[in-house]
PDB file of N, CA and C in Angstrom:
ATOM      1  N   UNK A   1      -8.616  -7.337  30.965  1.00  0.00           N
ATOM      2  CA  UNK A   1      -7.815  -6.539  30.066  1.00  0.00           C
ATOM      3  C   UNK A   1      -8.396  -5.132  30.043  1.00  0.00           C
ATOM      4  N   UNK A   2      -7.562  -4.125  30.240  1.00  0.00           N
ATOM      5  CA  UNK A   2      -8.027  -2.748  30.279  1.00  0.00           C
ATOM      6  C   UNK A   2      -7.258  -1.928  29.250  1.00  0.00           C
ATOM      7  N   UNK A   3      -7.985  -1.387  28.286  1.00  0.00           N
ATOM      8  CA  UNK A   3      -7.355  -0.561  27.267  1.00  0.00           C
ATOM      9  C   UNK A   3      -8.378   0.473  26.828  1.00  0.00           C
ATOM     10  N   UNK A   4      -7.972   1.722  26.744  1.00  0.00           N
ATOM     11  CA  UNK A   4      -8.854   2.827  26.380  1.00  0.00           C
ATOM     12  C   UNK A   4     -10.045   2.938  27.311  1.00  0.00           C
ATOM     13  N   UNK A   5      -9.861   2.500  28.544  1.00  0.00           N
ATOM     14  CA  UNK A   5     -10.922   2.634  29.529  1.00  0.00           C
ATOM     15  C   UNK A   5     -12.029   1.603  29.409  1.00  0.00           C
ATOM     16  N   UNK A   6     -11.880   0.593  28.568  1.00  0.00           N
ATOM     17  CA  UNK A   6     -12.900  -0.434  28.396  1.00  0.00           C
ATOM     18  C   UNK A   6     -12.421  -1.742  28.993  1.00  0.00           C
ATOM     19  N   UNK A   7     -13.315  -2.439  29.692  1.00  0.00           N
ATOM     20  CA  UNK A   7     -12.977  -3.746  30.246  1.00  0.00           C
ATOM     21  C   UNK A   7     -13.485  -4.825  29.298  1.00  0.00           C
ATOM     22  N   UNK A   8     -12.572  -5.713  28.900  1.00  0.00           N
ATOM     23  CA  UNK A   8     -12.913  -6.811  28.001  1.00  0.00           C
ATOM     24  C   UNK A   8     -12.411  -8.099  28.635  1.00  0.00           C
ATOM     25  N   UNK A   9     -13.276  -9.100  28.684  1.00  0.00           N
ATOM     26  CA  UNK A   9     -12.879 -10.360  29.304  1.00  0.00           C
ATOM     27  C   UNK A   9     -11.969 -11.149  28.363  1.00  0.00           C
ATOM     28  N   UNK A  10     -11.083 -11.973  28.911  1.00  0.00           N
ATOM     29  CA  UNK A  10     -10.213 -12.806  28.077  1.00  0.00           C
ATOM     30  C   UNK A  10     -11.005 -13.747  27.165  1.00  0.00           C
ATOM     31  N   UNK A  11     -12.177 -14.179  27.603  1.00  0.00           N
ATOM     32  CA  UNK A  11     -13.022 -15.044  26.775  1.00  0.00           C
ATOM     33  C   UNK A  11     -13.440 -14.324  25.489  1.00  0.00           C
ATOM     34  N   UNK A  12     -13.791 -13.044  25.586  1.00  0.00           N
ATOM     35  CA  UNK A  12     -14.190 -12.267  24.409  1.00  0.00           C
ATOM     36  C   UNK A  12     -13.011 -12.086  23.463  1.00  0.00           C
ATOM     37  N   UNK A  13     -11.835 -11.851  23.995  1.00  0.00           N
ATOM     38  CA  UNK A  13     -10.646 -11.692  23.168  1.00  0.00           C
ATOM     39  C   UNK A  13     -10.365 -12.991  22.415  1.00  0.00           C
ATOM     40  N   UNK A  14     -10.416 -14.150  23.120  1.00  0.00           N
ATOM     41  CA  UNK A  14     -10.192 -15.440  22.468  1.00  0.00           C
ATOM     42  C   UNK A  14     -11.243 -15.733  21.415  1.00  0.00           C
ATOM     43  N   UNK A  15     -12.460 -15.265  21.645  1.00  0.00           N
ATOM     44  CA  UNK A  15     -13.559 -15.523  20.710  1.00  0.00           C
ATOM     45  C   UNK A  15     -13.301 -14.870  19.354  1.00  0.00           C
ATOM     46  N   UNK A  16     -12.732 -13.653  19.343  1.00  0.00           N
ATOM     47  CA  UNK A  16     -12.567 -12.917  18.097  1.00  0.00           C
ATOM     48  C   UNK A  16     -11.169 -12.984  17.503  1.00  0.00           C
ATOM     49  N   UNK A  17     -10.194 -13.496  18.200  1.00  0.00           N
ATOM     50  CA  UNK A  17      -8.862 -13.676  17.629  1.00  0.00           C
ATOM     51  C   UNK A  17      -8.886 -14.857  16.669  1.00  0.00           C
ATOM     52  N   UNK A  18      -8.096 -14.803  15.592  1.00  0.00           N
ATOM     53  CA  UNK A  18      -8.064 -15.954  14.671  1.00  0.00           C
ATOM     54  C   UNK A  18      -7.520 -17.188  15.373  1.00  0.00           C
ATOM     55  N   UNK A  19      -8.073 -18.319  15.022  1.00  0.00           N
ATOM     56  CA  UNK A  19      -7.649 -19.585  15.623  1.00  0.00           C
ATOM     57  C   UNK A  19      -6.336 -20.038  15.011  1.00  0.00           C
ATOM     58  N   UNK A  20      -5.408 -20.480  15.848  1.00  0.00           N
ATOM     59  CA  UNK A  20      -4.141 -21.020  15.367  1.00  0.00           C
ATOM     60  C   UNK A  20      -4.247 -22.527  15.313  1.00  0.00           C
ATOM     61  N   UNK A  21      -3.898 -23.097  14.196  1.00  0.00           N
ATOM     62  CA  UNK A  21      -3.953 -24.536  14.027  1.00  0.00           C
ATOM     63  C   UNK A  21      -2.692 -25.207  14.572  1.00  0.00           C
ATOM     64  N   UNK A  22      -1.572 -24.543  14.403  1.00  0.00           N
ATOM     65  CA  UNK A  22      -0.305 -25.125  14.852  1.00  0.00           C
ATOM     66  C   UNK A  22       0.160 -24.378  16.090  1.00  0.00           C
ATOM     67  N   UNK A  23       0.323 -25.067  17.165  1.00  0.00           N
ATOM     68  CA  UNK A  23       0.751 -24.434  18.409  1.00  0.00           C
ATOM     69  C   UNK A  23       2.248 -24.553  18.627  1.00  0.00           C
ATOM     70  N   UNK A  24       2.970 -25.031  17.670  1.00  0.00           N
ATOM     71  CA  UNK A  24       4.409 -25.154  17.799  1.00  0.00           C
ATOM     72  C   UNK A  24       5.095 -24.477  16.639  1.00  0.00           C
ATOM     73  N   UNK A  25       5.605 -25.301  15.736  1.00  0.00           N
ATOM     74  CA  UNK A  25       6.310 -24.733  14.586  1.00  0.00           C
ATOM     75  C   UNK A  25       5.332 -24.162  13.576  1.00  0.00           C
ATOM     76  N   UNK A  26       5.859 -23.285  12.783  1.00  0.00           N
ATOM     77  CA  UNK A  26       5.035 -22.571  11.805  1.00  0.00           C
ATOM     78  C   UNK A  26       4.854 -23.421  10.548  1.00  0.00           C
ATOM     79  N   UNK A  27       3.613 -23.567  10.120  1.00  0.00           N
ATOM     80  CA  UNK A  27       3.331 -24.312   8.905  1.00  0.00           C
ATOM     81  C   UNK A  27       3.310 -23.357   7.727  1.00  0.00           C
ATOM     82  N   UNK A  28       3.689 -23.856   6.561  1.00  0.00           N
ATOM     83  CA  UNK A  28       3.595 -23.053   5.334  1.00  0.00           C
ATOM     84  C   UNK A  28       2.162 -23.054   4.859  1.00  0.00           C
ATOM     85  N   UNK A  29       1.680 -21.893   4.522  1.00  0.00           N
ATOM     86  CA  UNK A  29       0.334 -21.811   3.998  1.00  0.00           C
ATOM     87  C   UNK A  29       0.375 -22.004   2.487  1.00  0.00           C
ATOM     88  N   UNK A  30      -0.769 -22.344   1.933  1.00  0.00           N
ATOM     89  CA  UNK A  30      -0.834 -22.533   0.485  1.00  0.00           C
ATOM     90  C   UNK A  30      -1.167 -21.229  -0.218  1.00  0.00           C
ATOM     91  N   UNK A  31      -1.303 -20.149   0.537  1.00  0.00           N
ATOM     92  CA  UNK A  31      -1.616 -18.850  -0.062  1.00  0.00           C
ATOM     93  C   UNK A  31      -0.421 -18.349  -0.875  1.00  0.00           C
ATOM     94  N   UNK A  32      -0.716 -17.579  -1.877  1.00  0.00           N
ATOM     95  CA  UNK A  32       0.322 -17.035  -2.753  1.00  0.00           C
ATOM     96  C   UNK A  32       1.097 -15.946  -2.016  1.00  0.00           C
ATOM     97  N   UNK A  33       2.404 -15.984  -2.120  1.00  0.00           N
ATOM     98  CA  UNK A  33       3.234 -14.954  -1.495  1.00  0.00           C
ATOM     99  C   UNK A  33       3.187 -13.674  -2.321  1.00  0.00           C
ATOM    100  N   UNK A  34       3.576 -12.563  -1.680  1.00  0.00           N
ATOM    101  CA  UNK A  34       3.510 -11.260  -2.341  1.00  0.00           C
ATOM    102  C   UNK A  34       4.414 -11.218  -3.571  1.00  0.00           C
ATOM    103  N   UNK A  35       5.623 -11.758  -3.476  1.00  0.00           N
ATOM    104  CA  UNK A  35       6.557 -11.739  -4.598  1.00  0.00           C
ATOM    105  C   UNK A  35       5.994 -12.518  -5.793  1.00  0.00           C
ATOM    106  N   UNK A  36       5.363 -13.647  -5.536  1.00  0.00           N
ATOM    107  CA  UNK A  36       4.763 -14.439  -6.607  1.00  0.00           C
ATOM    108  C   UNK A  36       3.600 -13.691  -7.235  1.00  0.00           C
ATOM    109  N   UNK A  37       2.780 -13.058  -6.396  1.00  0.00           N
ATOM    110  CA  UNK A  37       1.660 -12.274  -6.907  1.00  0.00           C
ATOM    111  C   UNK A  37       2.150 -11.156  -7.818  1.00  0.00           C
ATOM    112  N   UNK A  38       3.189 -10.433  -7.402  1.00  0.00           N
ATOM    113  CA  UNK A  38       3.718  -9.331  -8.205  1.00  0.00           C
ATOM    114  C   UNK A  38       4.298  -9.838  -9.522  1.00  0.00           C
ATOM    115  N   UNK A  39       4.995 -10.971  -9.498  1.00  0.00           N
ATOM    116  CA  UNK A  39       5.560 -11.521 -10.725  1.00  0.00           C
ATOM    117  C   UNK A  39       4.451 -11.941 -11.694  1.00  0.00           C
ATOM    118  N   UNK A  40       3.372 -12.497 -11.178  1.00  0.00           N
ATOM    119  CA  UNK A  40       2.286 -12.974 -12.028  1.00  0.00           C
ATOM    120  C   UNK A  40       1.413 -11.854 -12.587  1.00  0.00           C
ATOM    121  N   UNK A  41       1.299 -10.739 -11.854  1.00  0.00           N
ATOM    122  CA  UNK A  41       0.352  -9.699 -12.249  1.00  0.00           C
ATOM    123  C   UNK A  41       0.999  -8.346 -12.540  1.00  0.00           C
ATOM    124  N   UNK A  42       2.314  -8.277 -12.642  1.00  0.00           N
ATOM    125  CA  UNK A  42       3.002  -6.998 -12.840  1.00  0.00           C
ATOM    126  C   UNK A  42       2.578  -6.312 -14.127  1.00  0.00           C
ATOM    127  N   UNK A  43       2.240  -7.077 -15.145  1.00  0.00           N
ATOM    128  CA  UNK A  43       1.841  -6.480 -16.432  1.00  0.00           C
ATOM    129  C   UNK A  43       0.524  -5.700 -16.317  1.00  0.00           C
ATOM    130  N   UNK A  44      -0.264  -5.979 -15.298  1.00  0.00           N
ATOM    131  CA  UNK A  44      -1.563  -5.325 -15.152  1.00  0.00           C
ATOM    132  C   UNK A  44      -1.579  -4.278 -14.042  1.00  0.00           C
ATOM    133  N   UNK A  45      -0.454  -4.060 -13.362  1.00  0.00           N
ATOM    134  CA  UNK A  45      -0.409  -3.148 -12.223  1.00  0.00           C
ATOM    135  C   UNK A  45       0.314  -1.866 -12.614  1.00  0.00           C
ATOM    136  N   UNK A  46      -0.294  -0.733 -12.276  1.00  0.00           N
ATOM    137  CA  UNK A  46       0.362   0.561 -12.441  1.00  0.00           C
ATOM    138  C   UNK A  46       0.379   1.270 -11.096  1.00  0.00           C
ATOM    139  N   UNK A  47       1.313   2.171 -10.943  1.00  0.00           N
ATOM    140  CA  UNK A  47       1.411   2.974  -9.735  1.00  0.00           C
ATOM    141  C   UNK A  47       1.283   4.436 -10.135  1.00  0.00           C
ATOM    142  N   UNK A  48       0.621   5.214  -9.294  1.00  0.00           N
ATOM    143  CA  UNK A  48       0.523   6.646  -9.583  1.00  0.00           C
ATOM    144  C   UNK A  48       0.874   7.420  -8.317  1.00  0.00           C
ATOM    145  N   UNK A  49       1.405   8.611  -8.518  1.00  0.00           N
ATOM    146  CA  UNK A  49       1.824   9.447  -7.399  1.00  0.00           C
ATOM    147  C   UNK A  49       1.582  10.897  -7.758  1.00  0.00           C
ATOM    148  N   UNK A  50       1.226  11.666  -6.761  1.00  0.00           N
ATOM    149  CA  UNK A  50       1.019  13.100  -6.902  1.00  0.00           C
ATOM    150  C   UNK A  50       2.014  13.752  -5.960  1.00  0.00           C
ATOM    151  N   UNK A  51       2.956  14.520  -6.479  1.00  0.00           N
ATOM    152  CA  UNK A  51       4.009  15.084  -5.643  1.00  0.00           C
ATOM    153  C   UNK A  51       4.277  16.543  -6.003  1.00  0.00           C
ATOM    154  N   UNK A  52       5.049  17.195  -5.147  1.00  0.00           N
ATOM    155  CA  UNK A  52       5.404  18.598  -5.323  1.00  0.00           C
ATOM    156  C   UNK A  52       6.863  18.674  -5.752  1.00  0.00           C
ATOM    157  N   UNK A  53       7.141  19.503  -6.763  1.00  0.00           N
ATOM    158  CA  UNK A  53       8.506  19.696  -7.264  1.00  0.00           C
ATOM    159  C   UNK A  53       8.839  21.175  -7.155  1.00  0.00           C
ATOM    160  N   UNK A  54      10.024  21.472  -6.636  1.00  0.00           N
ATOM    161  CA  UNK A  54      10.479  22.858  -6.534  1.00  0.00           C
ATOM    162  C   UNK A  54      11.435  23.121  -7.691  1.00  0.00           C
ATOM    163  N   UNK A  55      11.164  24.164  -8.474  1.00  0.00           N
ATOM    164  CA  UNK A  55      11.991  24.475  -9.636  1.00  0.00           C
ATOM    165  C   UNK A  55      13.242  25.243  -9.214  1.00  0.00           C
ATOM    166  N   UNK A  56      14.113  25.525 -10.164  1.00  0.00           N
ATOM    167  CA  UNK A  56      15.345  26.271  -9.891  1.00  0.00           C
ATOM    168  C   UNK A  56      15.045  27.701  -9.467  1.00  0.00           C
ATOM    169  N   UNK A  57      13.886  28.233  -9.883  1.00  0.00           N
ATOM    170  CA  UNK A  57      13.490  29.593  -9.493  1.00  0.00           C
ATOM    171  C   UNK A  57      12.572  29.577  -8.272  1.00  0.00           C
ATOM    172  N   UNK A  58      12.539  28.458  -7.550  1.00  0.00           N
ATOM    173  CA  UNK A  58      11.779  28.273  -6.308  1.00  0.00           C
ATOM    174  C   UNK A  58      10.267  28.398  -6.501  1.00  0.00           C
ATOM    175  N   UNK A  59       9.780  27.996  -7.658  1.00  0.00           N
ATOM    176  CA  UNK A  59       8.336  27.890  -7.883  1.00  0.00           C
ATOM    177  C   UNK A  59       7.902  26.471  -7.552  1.00  0.00           C
ATOM    178  N   UNK A  60       6.677  26.329  -7.118  1.00  0.00           N
ATOM    179  CA  UNK A  60       6.130  25.007  -6.832  1.00  0.00           C
ATOM    180  C   UNK A  60       5.372  24.489  -8.042  1.00  0.00           C
ATOM    181  N   UNK A  61       5.684  23.286  -8.446  1.00  0.00           N
ATOM    182  CA  UNK A  61       4.926  22.604  -9.479  1.00  0.00           C
ATOM    183  C   UNK A  61       4.365  21.323  -8.886  1.00  0.00           C
ATOM    184  N   UNK A  62       3.141  21.002  -9.234  1.00  0.00           N
ATOM    185  CA  UNK A  62       2.495  19.793  -8.760  1.00  0.00           C
ATOM    186  C   UNK A  62       2.545  18.771  -9.881  1.00  0.00           C
ATOM    187  N   UNK A  63       3.158  17.621  -9.621  1.00  0.00           N
ATOM    188  CA  UNK A  63       3.381  16.592 -10.634  1.00  0.00           C
ATOM    189  C   UNK A  63       2.490  15.390 -10.379  1.00  0.00           C
ATOM    190  N   UNK A  64       1.949  14.841 -11.453  1.00  0.00           N
ATOM    191  CA  UNK A  64       1.218  13.585 -11.413  1.00  0.00           C
ATOM    192  C   UNK A  64       1.979  12.615 -12.305  1.00  0.00           C
ATOM    193  N   UNK A  65       2.368  11.471 -11.753  1.00  0.00           N
ATOM    194  CA  UNK A  65       3.191  10.500 -12.470  1.00  0.00           C
ATOM    195  C   UNK A  65       2.513   9.132 -12.413  1.00  0.00           C
ATOM    196  N   UNK A  66       2.438   8.450 -13.563  1.00  0.00           N
ATOM    197  CA  UNK A  66       1.915   7.086 -13.644  1.00  0.00           C
ATOM    198  C   UNK A  66       3.029   6.201 -14.190  1.00  0.00           C
ATOM    199  N   UNK A  67       3.289   5.073 -13.490  1.00  0.00           N
ATOM    200  CA  UNK A  67       4.396   4.198 -13.857  1.00  0.00           C
ATOM    201  C   UNK A  67       3.915   2.753 -13.910  1.00  0.00           C
ATOM    202  N   UNK A  68       4.364   1.998 -14.908  1.00  0.00           N
ATOM    203  CA  UNK A  68       4.014   0.581 -15.026  1.00  0.00           C
ATOM    204  C   UNK A  68       4.978  -0.284 -14.254  1.00  0.00           C
ATOM    205  N   UNK A  69       4.467  -1.269 -13.529  1.00  0.00           N
ATOM    206  CA  UNK A  69       5.332  -2.145 -12.730  1.00  0.00           C
ATOM    207  C   UNK A  69       6.124  -3.122 -13.593  1.00  0.00           C
ATOM    208  N   UNK A  70       5.544  -3.599 -14.667  1.00  0.00           N
ATOM    209  CA  UNK A  70       6.217  -4.619 -15.477  1.00  0.00           C
ATOM    210  C   UNK A  70       7.464  -4.059 -16.168  1.00  0.00           C
ATOM    211  N   UNK A  71       7.360  -2.852 -16.722  1.00  0.00           N
ATOM    212  CA  UNK A  71       8.467  -2.286 -17.485  1.00  0.00           C
ATOM    213  C   UNK A  71       9.273  -1.256 -16.708  1.00  0.00           C
ATOM    214  N   UNK A  72       8.766  -0.808 -15.575  1.00  0.00           N
ATOM    215  CA  UNK A  72       9.400   0.250 -14.776  1.00  0.00           C
ATOM    216  C   UNK A  72       9.553   1.531 -15.589  1.00  0.00           C
ATOM    217  N   UNK A  73       8.664   1.754 -16.524  1.00  0.00           N
ATOM    218  CA  UNK A  73       8.684   2.959 -17.345  1.00  0.00           C
ATOM    219  C   UNK A  73       7.604   3.925 -16.885  1.00  0.00           C
ATOM    220  N   UNK A  74       7.890   5.195 -17.081  1.00  0.00           N
ATOM    221  CA  UNK A  74       6.902   6.223 -16.799  1.00  0.00           C
ATOM    222  C   UNK A  74       5.919   6.253 -17.969  1.00  0.00           C
ATOM    223  N   UNK A  75       4.647   6.017 -17.672  1.00  0.00           N
ATOM    224  CA  UNK A  75       3.628   5.963 -18.714  1.00  0.00           C
ATOM    225  C   UNK A  75       3.005   7.323 -18.987  1.00  0.00           C
ATOM    226  N   UNK A  76       2.906   8.163 -17.945  1.00  0.00           N
ATOM    227  CA  UNK A  76       2.258   9.465 -18.106  1.00  0.00           C
ATOM    228  C   UNK A  76       2.764  10.407 -17.022  1.00  0.00           C
ATOM    229  N   UNK A  77       2.998  11.657 -17.396  1.00  0.00           N
ATOM    230  CA  UNK A  77       3.325  12.695 -16.423  1.00  0.00           C
ATOM    231  C   UNK A  77       2.547  13.947 -16.783  1.00  0.00           C
ATOM    232  N   UNK A  78       2.284  14.730 -15.793  1.00  0.00           N
ATOM    233  CA  UNK A  78       1.633  16.012 -16.006  1.00  0.00           C
ATOM    234  C   UNK A  78       2.056  16.942 -14.884  1.00  0.00           C
ATOM    235  N   UNK A  79       2.277  18.187 -15.197  1.00  0.00           N
ATOM    236  CA  UNK A  79       2.688  19.179 -14.206  1.00  0.00           C
ATOM    237  C   UNK A  79       1.802  20.418 -14.338  1.00  0.00           C
ATOM    238  N   UNK A  80       1.518  21.014 -13.190  1.00  0.00           N
ATOM    239  CA  UNK A  80       0.745  22.241 -13.165  1.00  0.00           C
ATOM    240  C   UNK A  80       1.176  23.092 -11.983  1.00  0.00           C
ATOM    241  N   UNK A  81       1.030  24.394 -12.136  1.00  0.00           N
ATOM    242  CA  UNK A  81       1.324  25.305 -11.029  1.00  0.00           C
ATOM    243  C   UNK A  81       0.088  25.530 -10.174  1.00  0.00           C
ATOM    244  N   UNK A  82      -1.091  25.201 -10.706  1.00  0.00           N
ATOM    245  CA  UNK A  82      -2.358  25.423 -10.000  1.00  0.00           C
ATOM    246  C   UNK A  82      -3.192  24.138 -10.057  1.00  0.00           C
ATOM    247  N   UNK A  83      -3.071  23.261  -9.060  1.00  0.00           N
ATOM    248  CA  UNK A  83      -3.749  21.960  -9.137  1.00  0.00           C
ATOM    249  C   UNK A  83      -5.272  22.038  -9.042  1.00  0.00           C
ATOM    250  N   UNK A  84      -5.814  23.138  -8.556  1.00  0.00           N
ATOM    251  CA  UNK A  84      -7.266  23.246  -8.433  1.00  0.00           C
ATOM    252  C   UNK A  84      -7.896  23.939  -9.615  1.00  0.00           C
ATOM    253  N   UNK A  85      -7.095  24.437 -10.544  1.00  0.00           N
ATOM    254  CA  UNK A  85      -7.632  25.121 -11.712  1.00  0.00           C
ATOM    255  C   UNK A  85      -8.228  24.116 -12.690  1.00  0.00           C
ATOM    256  N   UNK A  86      -9.291  24.478 -13.408  1.00  0.00           N
ATOM    257  CA  UNK A  86      -9.881  23.550 -14.354  1.00  0.00           C
ATOM    258  C   UNK A  86      -8.937  23.338 -15.520  1.00  0.00           C
TER     259      UNK A  86
END
C-alpha cells in the first residue's frame, strides 16, 4: 500500500484496523444511539456560537449567542463592535 510516499504492509494495516465480529450482516450494537443520547441529556446541553452580523448601516457587529437544547430558547446574547476590546 502506497500513500503519501510511505510503504505500509497489509499485515500492519490489518493489525491496527478494528476487528469485525460479523463478516456478513450487520449486528445491532448495544451502544446508545445519538438520538437517544440527545433525548436523555438535552436538559444539560447548551450550544454557543460566535457570529458576525451586518447592520442596516453596513456596520459589523460580533454576536455571541447561547441556546439551550431542551427548550430551544436563547439563554444569552451579547453584541459588540470591537471583539478584542476589554
